[in-house]
Amino acid sequence: MDRRRDRNIGTPARKSPRALAFASLGFLALTGCSGLGGGSNTAADAALACPKVSIVRDLAEVTQFRNGGGRDLTDVTSRAALADYSGNCDYTSDGVTVNVNVFLIAERGPAMQGNTANYRYFVAVAKPGEETPTTKSEFDTSVTFESGKLRSGSREELAPKIPLPKDANGKDWKIFLGFQLTPEQLAFNRAQMKQ
C-alpha cells in the first residue's frame, strides 16, 4: 500500500443562523463545524490536500413529529442536528480515503414515546467543478436517551473513498453530509430558516 501521512481536516467554520435559533429555543446547543481541507504549511501538503467536506445547510437538522399529530412544539418527538465534524484523509496509490467523524446531537420532544430516536443521513461525493453528487450513500443511526435526560448524541465514523490515479490531488472534490429528509421535513426546515 502506497500510504502517505495523514492530512488534518480541522478548520472551524461559523454556525448557521438556524443552529443559533435552535440553541436560543433551548433545543440544541450546537458547536461550530470543523472543515476538511483548509490551509497547508508546505508545498507538498498543498499538492495533496483533503477534499472539502460540508454539511448541507437545509439538511443539517431534522424535526420529527408524532404520526397524525399537529406541527407545533407539543407534537415533536425528537429533533437532531449534524452539529460538527472532524477528520483527516489518507492518500494511497489508488485514491484518497476521507476519514470523517460526524457528531449528531439529538433532543427528545414532548411527544416522544420510548427512549430511542432513529435518523437517516447521507454522504455524497461530487467531482471538481460540480455541485451534483456522483455518488451517495445513506446510513441509519439511532440515539438512545438515558432515563431523565433530554439530550443525547452519537459520533458517526465514515470513510468515503475517492478513486484517483496515483499522485492525483483530491483537494477539489467535495463531500456533502446531511439528513435524508422527506419533502415535508425539508419544507419545515426551510420555513424555520425564514423566521
N, C-alpha and C. Protein backbone atom coordinates (compact mmCIF):
# COMPACT_ATOMS: atom_id res chain seq x y z
N MET A 1 0.84 -1.18 0.00
CA MET A 1 0.00 0.00 0.00
C MET A 1 0.88 1.24 0.00
N ASP A 2 0.63 2.13 -0.92
CA ASP A 2 1.36 3.38 -1.01
C ASP A 2 0.66 4.41 -0.12
N ARG A 3 1.08 4.48 1.12
CA ARG A 3 0.39 5.33 2.08
C ARG A 3 1.22 6.56 2.40
N ARG A 4 0.57 7.70 2.33
CA ARG A 4 1.21 8.95 2.71
C ARG A 4 0.71 9.35 4.08
N ARG A 5 1.38 10.29 4.70
CA ARG A 5 0.95 10.70 6.05
C ARG A 5 -0.42 11.34 6.00
N ASP A 6 -1.09 11.27 7.15
CA ASP A 6 -2.42 11.87 7.26
C ASP A 6 -2.35 13.37 7.06
N ARG A 7 -3.36 13.89 6.45
CA ARG A 7 -3.53 15.33 6.37
C ARG A 7 -4.70 15.70 7.25
N ASN A 8 -4.55 16.70 8.07
CA ASN A 8 -5.58 17.09 9.01
C ASN A 8 -6.72 17.83 8.34
N ILE A 9 -7.91 17.64 8.87
CA ILE A 9 -9.08 18.35 8.46
C ILE A 9 -9.52 19.08 9.70
N GLY A 10 -9.46 20.27 9.87
CA GLY A 10 -9.89 20.80 11.15
C GLY A 10 -9.99 22.30 11.22
N THR A 11 -10.47 22.95 10.22
CA THR A 11 -10.63 24.40 10.27
C THR A 11 -12.04 24.72 10.73
N PRO A 12 -12.18 25.55 11.77
CA PRO A 12 -13.53 25.87 12.22
C PRO A 12 -14.31 26.69 11.19
N ALA A 13 -15.60 26.50 11.18
CA ALA A 13 -16.49 27.31 10.34
C ALA A 13 -17.53 27.95 11.24
N ARG A 14 -18.31 28.87 10.70
CA ARG A 14 -19.28 29.58 11.53
C ARG A 14 -20.56 28.77 11.69
N LYS A 15 -21.29 29.07 12.75
CA LYS A 15 -22.59 28.42 12.98
C LYS A 15 -23.62 29.00 12.03
N SER A 16 -24.56 28.18 11.63
CA SER A 16 -25.63 28.66 10.77
C SER A 16 -26.64 29.43 11.61
N PRO A 17 -27.39 30.36 10.99
CA PRO A 17 -28.43 31.07 11.72
C PRO A 17 -29.46 30.11 12.30
N ARG A 18 -29.76 29.04 11.60
CA ARG A 18 -30.74 28.06 12.08
C ARG A 18 -30.21 27.37 13.33
N ALA A 19 -28.91 27.04 13.36
CA ALA A 19 -28.33 26.40 14.54
C ALA A 19 -28.41 27.34 15.74
N LEU A 20 -28.18 28.62 15.51
CA LEU A 20 -28.28 29.59 16.60
C LEU A 20 -29.71 29.70 17.10
N ALA A 21 -30.67 29.63 16.18
CA ALA A 21 -32.07 29.68 16.58
C ALA A 21 -32.43 28.45 17.40
N PHE A 22 -31.93 27.30 17.01
CA PHE A 22 -32.13 26.06 17.76
C PHE A 22 -31.67 26.24 19.19
N ALA A 23 -30.48 26.76 19.36
CA ALA A 23 -29.92 26.94 20.70
C ALA A 23 -30.74 27.93 21.50
N SER A 24 -31.20 29.01 20.85
CA SER A 24 -31.97 30.02 21.58
C SER A 24 -33.31 29.47 22.03
N LEU A 25 -33.85 28.48 21.32
CA LEU A 25 -35.10 27.86 21.74
C LEU A 25 -34.87 26.85 22.86
N GLY A 26 -33.62 26.61 23.18
CA GLY A 26 -33.31 25.66 24.23
C GLY A 26 -33.33 24.22 23.76
N PHE A 27 -33.36 24.01 22.44
CA PHE A 27 -33.41 22.65 21.95
C PHE A 27 -32.04 22.01 21.85
N LEU A 28 -31.12 22.65 21.13
CA LEU A 28 -29.82 22.04 20.93
C LEU A 28 -28.73 23.07 21.13
N ALA A 29 -27.73 22.71 21.87
CA ALA A 29 -26.55 23.56 21.99
C ALA A 29 -25.55 23.02 20.99
N LEU A 30 -25.46 23.69 19.84
CA LEU A 30 -24.63 23.18 18.75
C LEU A 30 -23.25 23.80 18.77
N THR A 31 -22.29 23.05 18.29
CA THR A 31 -20.95 23.58 18.16
C THR A 31 -20.71 23.94 16.71
N GLY A 32 -19.65 24.68 16.45
CA GLY A 32 -19.29 25.03 15.07
C GLY A 32 -18.76 23.82 14.33
N CYS A 33 -18.73 23.90 13.04
CA CYS A 33 -18.25 22.78 12.23
C CYS A 33 -16.77 22.90 11.95
N SER A 34 -16.13 21.77 11.91
CA SER A 34 -14.73 21.74 11.53
C SER A 34 -14.64 21.38 10.07
N GLY A 35 -13.77 22.04 9.34
CA GLY A 35 -13.70 21.81 7.90
C GLY A 35 -12.60 20.85 7.52
N LEU A 36 -12.82 20.13 6.45
CA LEU A 36 -11.78 19.30 5.86
C LEU A 36 -11.08 20.14 4.82
N GLY A 37 -9.85 19.86 4.61
CA GLY A 37 -9.08 20.66 3.65
C GLY A 37 -8.39 21.75 4.40
N GLY A 38 -8.57 22.96 3.99
CA GLY A 38 -8.00 24.08 4.72
C GLY A 38 -6.57 24.33 4.37
N GLY A 39 -5.93 25.12 5.20
CA GLY A 39 -4.58 25.58 4.92
C GLY A 39 -3.53 24.52 5.06
N SER A 40 -2.48 24.63 4.28
CA SER A 40 -1.34 23.73 4.35
C SER A 40 -0.10 24.55 4.62
N ASN A 41 0.86 23.90 5.27
CA ASN A 41 2.08 24.61 5.63
C ASN A 41 3.19 24.43 4.60
N THR A 42 3.10 23.39 3.79
CA THR A 42 4.17 23.14 2.83
C THR A 42 3.59 22.93 1.44
N ALA A 43 4.45 23.04 0.44
CA ALA A 43 4.00 22.82 -0.94
C ALA A 43 3.55 21.37 -1.12
N ALA A 44 4.22 20.42 -0.46
CA ALA A 44 3.84 19.01 -0.58
C ALA A 44 2.45 18.78 0.01
N ASP A 45 2.15 19.42 1.16
CA ASP A 45 0.83 19.28 1.75
C ASP A 45 -0.24 19.88 0.83
N ALA A 46 0.04 21.03 0.25
CA ALA A 46 -0.91 21.70 -0.63
C ALA A 46 -1.16 20.86 -1.88
N ALA A 47 -0.14 20.14 -2.34
CA ALA A 47 -0.28 19.34 -3.54
C ALA A 47 -1.26 18.19 -3.34
N LEU A 48 -1.33 17.63 -2.13
CA LEU A 48 -2.23 16.52 -1.85
C LEU A 48 -3.08 16.84 -0.62
N ALA A 49 -3.93 17.83 -0.76
CA ALA A 49 -4.80 18.25 0.34
C ALA A 49 -6.06 17.39 0.37
N CYS A 50 -6.79 17.48 1.48
CA CYS A 50 -8.03 16.73 1.64
C CYS A 50 -9.16 17.34 0.82
N PRO A 51 -10.09 16.51 0.37
CA PRO A 51 -11.30 17.04 -0.25
C PRO A 51 -12.06 17.92 0.75
N LYS A 52 -12.89 18.81 0.23
CA LYS A 52 -13.67 19.71 1.08
C LYS A 52 -14.93 18.99 1.55
N VAL A 53 -15.20 19.09 2.84
CA VAL A 53 -16.38 18.47 3.43
C VAL A 53 -17.28 19.58 3.95
N SER A 54 -18.59 19.44 3.75
CA SER A 54 -19.52 20.41 4.31
C SER A 54 -20.85 19.74 4.64
N ILE A 55 -21.51 20.31 5.64
CA ILE A 55 -22.86 19.88 5.99
C ILE A 55 -23.81 20.79 5.22
N VAL A 56 -24.72 20.20 4.47
CA VAL A 56 -25.67 20.95 3.65
C VAL A 56 -26.63 21.70 4.59
N ARG A 57 -26.68 23.00 4.44
CA ARG A 57 -27.42 23.87 5.37
C ARG A 57 -28.88 23.45 5.54
N ASP A 58 -29.59 23.24 4.45
CA ASP A 58 -31.02 22.87 4.51
C ASP A 58 -31.24 21.48 5.12
N LEU A 59 -30.19 20.65 5.11
CA LEU A 59 -30.31 19.26 5.53
C LEU A 59 -29.53 18.96 6.80
N ALA A 60 -29.12 20.00 7.52
CA ALA A 60 -28.30 19.83 8.72
C ALA A 60 -29.12 19.44 9.94
N GLU A 61 -30.43 19.61 9.88
CA GLU A 61 -31.29 19.34 11.03
C GLU A 61 -32.53 18.58 10.59
N VAL A 62 -33.11 17.88 11.55
CA VAL A 62 -34.37 17.18 11.29
C VAL A 62 -35.25 17.31 12.52
N THR A 63 -36.54 17.58 12.29
CA THR A 63 -37.54 17.60 13.34
C THR A 63 -38.55 16.50 13.02
N GLN A 64 -38.76 15.62 13.99
CA GLN A 64 -39.71 14.53 13.80
C GLN A 64 -40.94 14.80 14.65
N PHE A 65 -42.12 14.60 14.03
CA PHE A 65 -43.40 14.81 14.71
C PHE A 65 -44.11 13.48 14.89
N ARG A 66 -45.00 13.43 15.86
CA ARG A 66 -45.79 12.21 16.04
C ARG A 66 -46.74 12.03 14.86
N ASN A 67 -47.05 10.79 14.56
CA ASN A 67 -47.95 10.48 13.46
C ASN A 67 -49.34 11.01 13.75
N GLY A 68 -49.94 11.64 12.75
CA GLY A 68 -51.30 12.12 12.87
C GLY A 68 -51.47 13.33 13.75
N GLY A 69 -50.39 13.84 14.29
CA GLY A 69 -50.50 14.99 15.18
C GLY A 69 -50.36 16.29 14.41
N GLY A 70 -50.37 17.37 15.16
CA GLY A 70 -50.17 18.68 14.57
C GLY A 70 -48.69 18.93 14.31
N ARG A 71 -48.35 20.18 14.13
CA ARG A 71 -46.95 20.54 13.82
C ARG A 71 -46.46 21.65 14.74
N ASP A 72 -46.89 21.62 16.01
CA ASP A 72 -46.35 22.61 16.94
C ASP A 72 -45.38 21.91 17.90
N LEU A 73 -44.84 22.65 18.84
CA LEU A 73 -43.81 22.11 19.73
C LEU A 73 -44.28 20.91 20.55
N THR A 74 -45.56 20.84 20.88
CA THR A 74 -46.06 19.71 21.68
C THR A 74 -46.14 18.43 20.87
N ASP A 75 -46.05 18.51 19.55
CA ASP A 75 -46.14 17.34 18.67
C ASP A 75 -44.77 16.79 18.28
N VAL A 76 -43.68 17.42 18.73
CA VAL A 76 -42.33 17.00 18.37
C VAL A 76 -41.95 15.74 19.15
N THR A 77 -41.52 14.70 18.42
CA THR A 77 -41.00 13.51 19.09
C THR A 77 -39.50 13.65 19.34
N SER A 78 -38.78 14.21 18.37
CA SER A 78 -37.35 14.48 18.57
C SER A 78 -36.86 15.47 17.53
N ARG A 79 -35.73 16.08 17.86
CA ARG A 79 -35.03 16.96 16.93
C ARG A 79 -33.57 16.56 16.97
N ALA A 80 -32.91 16.69 15.82
CA ALA A 80 -31.49 16.35 15.77
C ALA A 80 -30.77 17.27 14.80
N ALA A 81 -29.48 17.39 15.00
CA ALA A 81 -28.65 18.21 14.11
C ALA A 81 -27.30 17.52 13.91
N LEU A 82 -26.80 17.62 12.69
CA LEU A 82 -25.41 17.26 12.42
C LEU A 82 -24.62 18.49 12.84
N ALA A 83 -24.01 18.42 13.99
CA ALA A 83 -23.51 19.62 14.65
C ALA A 83 -22.05 19.91 14.39
N ASP A 84 -21.26 18.92 14.06
CA ASP A 84 -19.83 19.15 13.92
C ASP A 84 -19.22 17.97 13.16
N TYR A 85 -18.05 18.16 12.64
CA TYR A 85 -17.30 17.06 12.04
C TYR A 85 -15.82 17.37 12.11
N SER A 86 -15.03 16.31 12.06
CA SER A 86 -13.58 16.45 12.03
C SER A 86 -13.01 15.22 11.34
N GLY A 87 -11.74 15.24 11.06
CA GLY A 87 -11.13 14.07 10.45
C GLY A 87 -9.85 14.37 9.74
N ASN A 88 -9.49 13.46 8.85
CA ASN A 88 -8.27 13.58 8.06
C ASN A 88 -8.45 12.76 6.79
N CYS A 89 -7.43 12.73 5.97
CA CYS A 89 -7.51 11.89 4.76
C CYS A 89 -6.19 11.16 4.55
N ASP A 90 -6.29 10.02 3.90
CA ASP A 90 -5.13 9.17 3.59
C ASP A 90 -5.08 8.95 2.08
N TYR A 91 -3.96 9.28 1.48
CA TYR A 91 -3.75 9.00 0.06
C TYR A 91 -3.07 7.64 -0.08
N THR A 92 -3.52 6.88 -1.07
CA THR A 92 -2.89 5.61 -1.44
C THR A 92 -2.65 5.65 -2.94
N SER A 93 -2.14 4.59 -3.49
CA SER A 93 -1.84 4.56 -4.92
C SER A 93 -3.09 4.58 -5.78
N ASP A 94 -4.26 4.27 -5.19
CA ASP A 94 -5.48 4.23 -6.00
C ASP A 94 -6.53 5.26 -5.58
N GLY A 95 -6.15 6.26 -4.77
CA GLY A 95 -7.10 7.31 -4.44
C GLY A 95 -6.90 7.88 -3.05
N VAL A 96 -7.95 8.50 -2.54
CA VAL A 96 -7.90 9.12 -1.22
C VAL A 96 -9.11 8.65 -0.41
N THR A 97 -8.85 8.28 0.84
CA THR A 97 -9.91 7.93 1.78
C THR A 97 -10.05 9.08 2.75
N VAL A 98 -11.27 9.57 2.89
CA VAL A 98 -11.53 10.69 3.79
C VAL A 98 -12.17 10.12 5.06
N ASN A 99 -11.44 10.20 6.16
CA ASN A 99 -11.92 9.70 7.45
C ASN A 99 -12.63 10.84 8.17
N VAL A 100 -13.94 10.72 8.28
CA VAL A 100 -14.75 11.79 8.85
C VAL A 100 -15.49 11.28 10.07
N ASN A 101 -15.40 12.03 11.16
CA ASN A 101 -16.23 11.80 12.34
C ASN A 101 -17.32 12.87 12.33
N VAL A 102 -18.57 12.43 12.27
CA VAL A 102 -19.70 13.35 12.25
C VAL A 102 -20.39 13.26 13.61
N PHE A 103 -20.63 14.41 14.22
CA PHE A 103 -21.24 14.44 15.55
C PHE A 103 -22.70 14.86 15.42
N LEU A 104 -23.58 13.99 15.89
CA LEU A 104 -25.02 14.20 15.84
C LEU A 104 -25.51 14.49 17.25
N ILE A 105 -26.25 15.56 17.43
CA ILE A 105 -26.84 15.92 18.71
C ILE A 105 -28.35 15.82 18.56
N ALA A 106 -29.00 15.18 19.54
CA ALA A 106 -30.45 15.00 19.47
C ALA A 106 -31.11 15.42 20.78
N GLU A 107 -32.37 15.80 20.68
CA GLU A 107 -33.15 16.15 21.86
C GLU A 107 -34.52 15.51 21.74
N ARG A 108 -34.94 14.92 22.83
CA ARG A 108 -36.27 14.31 22.83
C ARG A 108 -37.32 15.40 22.92
N GLY A 109 -38.44 15.18 22.26
CA GLY A 109 -39.53 16.13 22.30
C GLY A 109 -40.62 15.66 23.24
N PRO A 110 -41.60 16.53 23.52
CA PRO A 110 -42.66 16.18 24.46
C PRO A 110 -43.53 15.01 23.99
N ALA A 111 -43.60 14.74 22.69
CA ALA A 111 -44.46 13.68 22.17
C ALA A 111 -43.72 12.35 21.99
N MET A 112 -42.48 12.27 22.41
CA MET A 112 -41.70 11.05 22.19
C MET A 112 -42.18 9.92 23.09
N GLN A 113 -42.34 8.74 22.50
CA GLN A 113 -42.67 7.52 23.23
C GLN A 113 -41.42 6.64 23.21
N GLY A 114 -41.02 6.12 24.35
CA GLY A 114 -39.82 5.29 24.42
C GLY A 114 -38.58 6.15 24.60
N ASN A 115 -37.41 5.54 24.42
CA ASN A 115 -36.14 6.22 24.66
C ASN A 115 -35.23 6.30 23.44
N THR A 116 -35.69 5.85 22.28
CA THR A 116 -34.82 5.79 21.11
C THR A 116 -35.42 6.55 19.94
N ALA A 117 -34.58 7.33 19.28
CA ALA A 117 -34.99 8.04 18.05
C ALA A 117 -34.12 7.55 16.91
N ASN A 118 -34.71 7.36 15.75
CA ASN A 118 -33.99 6.87 14.58
C ASN A 118 -33.87 7.97 13.53
N TYR A 119 -32.70 8.02 12.90
CA TYR A 119 -32.42 9.05 11.90
C TYR A 119 -31.74 8.40 10.70
N ARG A 120 -31.88 9.06 9.55
CA ARG A 120 -31.22 8.61 8.32
C ARG A 120 -30.45 9.80 7.77
N TYR A 121 -29.16 9.57 7.47
CA TYR A 121 -28.33 10.64 6.92
C TYR A 121 -27.57 10.11 5.72
N PHE A 122 -26.92 11.01 4.99
CA PHE A 122 -26.22 10.61 3.78
C PHE A 122 -24.83 11.23 3.71
N VAL A 123 -24.01 10.61 2.88
CA VAL A 123 -22.70 11.14 2.49
C VAL A 123 -22.68 11.10 0.97
N ALA A 124 -22.44 12.25 0.34
CA ALA A 124 -22.43 12.34 -1.12
C ALA A 124 -21.10 12.93 -1.58
N VAL A 125 -20.62 12.47 -2.72
CA VAL A 125 -19.34 12.92 -3.26
C VAL A 125 -19.57 13.57 -4.62
N ALA A 126 -18.99 14.77 -4.81
CA ALA A 126 -19.11 15.48 -6.10
C ALA A 126 -17.73 15.71 -6.68
N LYS A 127 -17.64 15.59 -7.99
CA LYS A 127 -16.38 15.82 -8.71
C LYS A 127 -16.02 17.31 -8.70
N PRO A 128 -14.74 17.62 -8.97
CA PRO A 128 -14.33 19.02 -9.03
C PRO A 128 -15.17 19.80 -10.04
N GLY A 129 -15.61 21.00 -9.63
CA GLY A 129 -16.38 21.87 -10.51
C GLY A 129 -17.84 21.51 -10.62
N GLU A 130 -18.29 20.45 -9.93
CA GLU A 130 -19.70 20.04 -10.00
C GLU A 130 -20.32 20.15 -8.62
N GLU A 131 -21.59 20.49 -8.57
CA GLU A 131 -22.33 20.55 -7.31
C GLU A 131 -23.23 19.33 -7.14
N THR A 132 -23.55 18.66 -8.25
CA THR A 132 -24.39 17.48 -8.19
C THR A 132 -23.52 16.27 -7.86
N PRO A 133 -23.84 15.54 -6.78
CA PRO A 133 -23.02 14.38 -6.40
C PRO A 133 -23.03 13.29 -7.46
N THR A 134 -21.88 12.62 -7.57
CA THR A 134 -21.78 11.46 -8.46
C THR A 134 -22.09 10.17 -7.72
N THR A 135 -21.85 10.16 -6.40
CA THR A 135 -22.19 9.00 -5.57
C THR A 135 -22.84 9.50 -4.28
N LYS A 136 -23.72 8.65 -3.74
CA LYS A 136 -24.39 8.99 -2.49
C LYS A 136 -24.67 7.70 -1.74
N SER A 137 -24.33 7.69 -0.45
CA SER A 137 -24.62 6.55 0.41
C SER A 137 -25.47 7.03 1.58
N GLU A 138 -26.46 6.22 1.95
CA GLU A 138 -27.34 6.56 3.07
C GLU A 138 -27.09 5.61 4.23
N PHE A 139 -27.24 6.14 5.45
CA PHE A 139 -26.97 5.37 6.65
C PHE A 139 -28.07 5.62 7.67
N ASP A 140 -28.42 4.58 8.42
CA ASP A 140 -29.37 4.70 9.52
C ASP A 140 -28.59 4.73 10.82
N THR A 141 -29.07 5.53 11.75
CA THR A 141 -28.47 5.56 13.08
C THR A 141 -29.58 5.79 14.09
N SER A 142 -29.33 5.42 15.33
CA SER A 142 -30.30 5.67 16.38
C SER A 142 -29.60 6.31 17.57
N VAL A 143 -30.35 7.08 18.30
CA VAL A 143 -29.85 7.73 19.51
C VAL A 143 -30.76 7.30 20.65
N THR A 144 -30.16 6.81 21.73
CA THR A 144 -30.91 6.41 22.91
C THR A 144 -30.74 7.46 23.99
N PHE A 145 -31.85 7.87 24.56
CA PHE A 145 -31.84 8.87 25.63
C PHE A 145 -31.86 8.14 26.97
N GLU A 146 -30.90 8.47 27.82
CA GLU A 146 -30.88 7.89 29.16
C GLU A 146 -32.08 8.40 29.94
N SER A 147 -32.52 7.62 30.90
CA SER A 147 -33.67 8.00 31.72
C SER A 147 -33.44 9.36 32.37
N GLY A 148 -34.41 10.24 32.20
CA GLY A 148 -34.34 11.57 32.79
C GLY A 148 -33.52 12.58 32.01
N LYS A 149 -32.91 12.16 30.89
CA LYS A 149 -32.09 13.07 30.08
C LYS A 149 -32.86 13.49 28.84
N LEU A 150 -32.79 14.78 28.53
CA LEU A 150 -33.47 15.31 27.34
C LEU A 150 -32.58 15.27 26.11
N ARG A 151 -31.26 15.25 26.29
CA ARG A 151 -30.34 15.31 25.16
C ARG A 151 -29.44 14.08 25.12
N SER A 152 -29.05 13.75 23.91
CA SER A 152 -28.13 12.65 23.69
C SER A 152 -27.44 12.89 22.36
N GLY A 153 -26.58 11.99 21.96
CA GLY A 153 -25.90 12.18 20.69
C GLY A 153 -25.12 10.95 20.29
N SER A 154 -24.48 11.05 19.15
CA SER A 154 -23.65 9.96 18.67
C SER A 154 -22.54 10.53 17.79
N ARG A 155 -21.50 9.73 17.62
CA ARG A 155 -20.43 10.06 16.70
C ARG A 155 -20.44 8.99 15.62
N GLU A 156 -20.63 9.42 14.40
CA GLU A 156 -20.67 8.51 13.25
C GLU A 156 -19.31 8.56 12.56
N GLU A 157 -18.70 7.40 12.37
CA GLU A 157 -17.40 7.32 11.71
C GLU A 157 -17.59 6.88 10.27
N LEU A 158 -17.17 7.71 9.35
CA LEU A 158 -17.35 7.46 7.92
C LEU A 158 -16.00 7.47 7.23
N ALA A 159 -15.89 6.77 6.13
CA ALA A 159 -14.63 6.74 5.39
C ALA A 159 -14.89 6.63 3.89
N PRO A 160 -15.50 7.67 3.27
CA PRO A 160 -15.70 7.61 1.82
C PRO A 160 -14.37 7.60 1.08
N LYS A 161 -14.31 6.80 0.04
CA LYS A 161 -13.08 6.69 -0.76
C LYS A 161 -13.33 7.26 -2.14
N ILE A 162 -12.40 8.08 -2.59
CA ILE A 162 -12.48 8.66 -3.93
C ILE A 162 -11.38 8.03 -4.75
N PRO A 163 -11.72 7.23 -5.76
CA PRO A 163 -10.67 6.64 -6.59
C PRO A 163 -10.01 7.71 -7.46
N LEU A 164 -8.70 7.75 -7.42
CA LEU A 164 -7.91 8.72 -8.20
C LEU A 164 -6.67 8.03 -8.74
N PRO A 165 -6.14 8.52 -9.85
CA PRO A 165 -4.86 8.00 -10.33
C PRO A 165 -3.77 8.32 -9.32
N LYS A 166 -2.69 7.55 -9.35
CA LYS A 166 -1.57 7.77 -8.44
C LYS A 166 -1.08 9.22 -8.53
N ASP A 167 -0.88 9.83 -7.36
CA ASP A 167 -0.39 11.20 -7.20
C ASP A 167 -1.37 12.27 -7.67
N ALA A 168 -2.63 11.90 -7.96
CA ALA A 168 -3.64 12.91 -8.30
C ALA A 168 -4.10 13.58 -7.01
N ASN A 169 -4.53 14.81 -7.13
CA ASN A 169 -4.94 15.60 -5.98
C ASN A 169 -6.46 15.57 -5.82
N GLY A 170 -6.93 15.30 -4.60
CA GLY A 170 -8.36 15.26 -4.33
C GLY A 170 -8.89 16.53 -3.72
N LYS A 171 -8.08 17.58 -3.66
CA LYS A 171 -8.46 18.81 -2.94
C LYS A 171 -9.69 19.50 -3.51
N ASP A 172 -10.00 19.32 -4.78
CA ASP A 172 -11.14 19.99 -5.38
C ASP A 172 -12.41 19.14 -5.40
N TRP A 173 -12.33 17.92 -4.88
CA TRP A 173 -13.51 17.09 -4.74
C TRP A 173 -14.30 17.61 -3.54
N LYS A 174 -15.60 17.33 -3.51
CA LYS A 174 -16.44 17.79 -2.41
C LYS A 174 -17.21 16.61 -1.81
N ILE A 175 -17.33 16.65 -0.50
CA ILE A 175 -18.13 15.66 0.22
C ILE A 175 -19.21 16.40 0.98
N PHE A 176 -20.46 16.01 0.77
CA PHE A 176 -21.61 16.65 1.40
C PHE A 176 -22.22 15.70 2.42
N LEU A 177 -22.59 16.24 3.58
CA LEU A 177 -23.25 15.48 4.64
C LEU A 177 -24.60 16.12 4.92
N GLY A 178 -25.59 15.31 5.25
CA GLY A 178 -26.90 15.85 5.61
C GLY A 178 -27.86 14.75 6.00
N PHE A 179 -28.98 15.15 6.59
CA PHE A 179 -30.04 14.20 6.89
C PHE A 179 -30.80 13.89 5.60
N GLN A 180 -31.25 12.66 5.46
CA GLN A 180 -32.11 12.27 4.35
C GLN A 180 -33.53 12.61 4.78
N LEU A 181 -34.05 13.72 4.29
CA LEU A 181 -35.34 14.24 4.74
C LEU A 181 -36.46 13.91 3.78
N THR A 182 -37.67 13.85 4.32
CA THR A 182 -38.86 13.76 3.47
C THR A 182 -39.11 15.16 2.91
N PRO A 183 -39.93 15.29 1.86
CA PRO A 183 -40.26 16.63 1.36
C PRO A 183 -40.89 17.52 2.44
N GLU A 184 -41.70 16.94 3.32
CA GLU A 184 -42.33 17.71 4.40
C GLU A 184 -41.27 18.22 5.39
N GLN A 185 -40.30 17.36 5.74
CA GLN A 185 -39.24 17.77 6.67
C GLN A 185 -38.38 18.87 6.07
N LEU A 186 -38.08 18.77 4.79
CA LEU A 186 -37.30 19.80 4.12
C LEU A 186 -38.06 21.13 4.09
N ALA A 187 -39.36 21.07 3.78
CA ALA A 187 -40.18 22.29 3.78
C ALA A 187 -40.22 22.91 5.17
N PHE A 188 -40.31 22.09 6.20
CA PHE A 188 -40.32 22.59 7.57
C PHE A 188 -39.00 23.31 7.88
N ASN A 189 -37.88 22.69 7.51
CA ASN A 189 -36.57 23.33 7.73
C ASN A 189 -36.49 24.69 7.04
N ARG A 190 -36.91 24.72 5.80
CA ARG A 190 -36.81 25.97 5.04
C ARG A 190 -37.72 27.05 5.61
N ALA A 191 -38.90 26.66 6.09
CA ALA A 191 -39.81 27.63 6.71
C ALA A 191 -39.20 28.18 7.99
N GLN A 192 -38.55 27.31 8.77
CA GLN A 192 -37.91 27.75 10.03
C GLN A 192 -36.74 28.68 9.76
N MET A 193 -36.05 28.46 8.67
CA MET A 193 -34.89 29.31 8.33
C MET A 193 -35.32 30.72 7.97
N LYS A 194 -36.55 30.87 7.47
CA LYS A 194 -37.04 32.19 7.07
C LYS A 194 -37.49 33.02 8.27
N GLN A 195 -37.71 32.37 9.40
CA GLN A 195 -38.21 33.09 10.58
C GLN A 195 -37.11 33.87 11.26
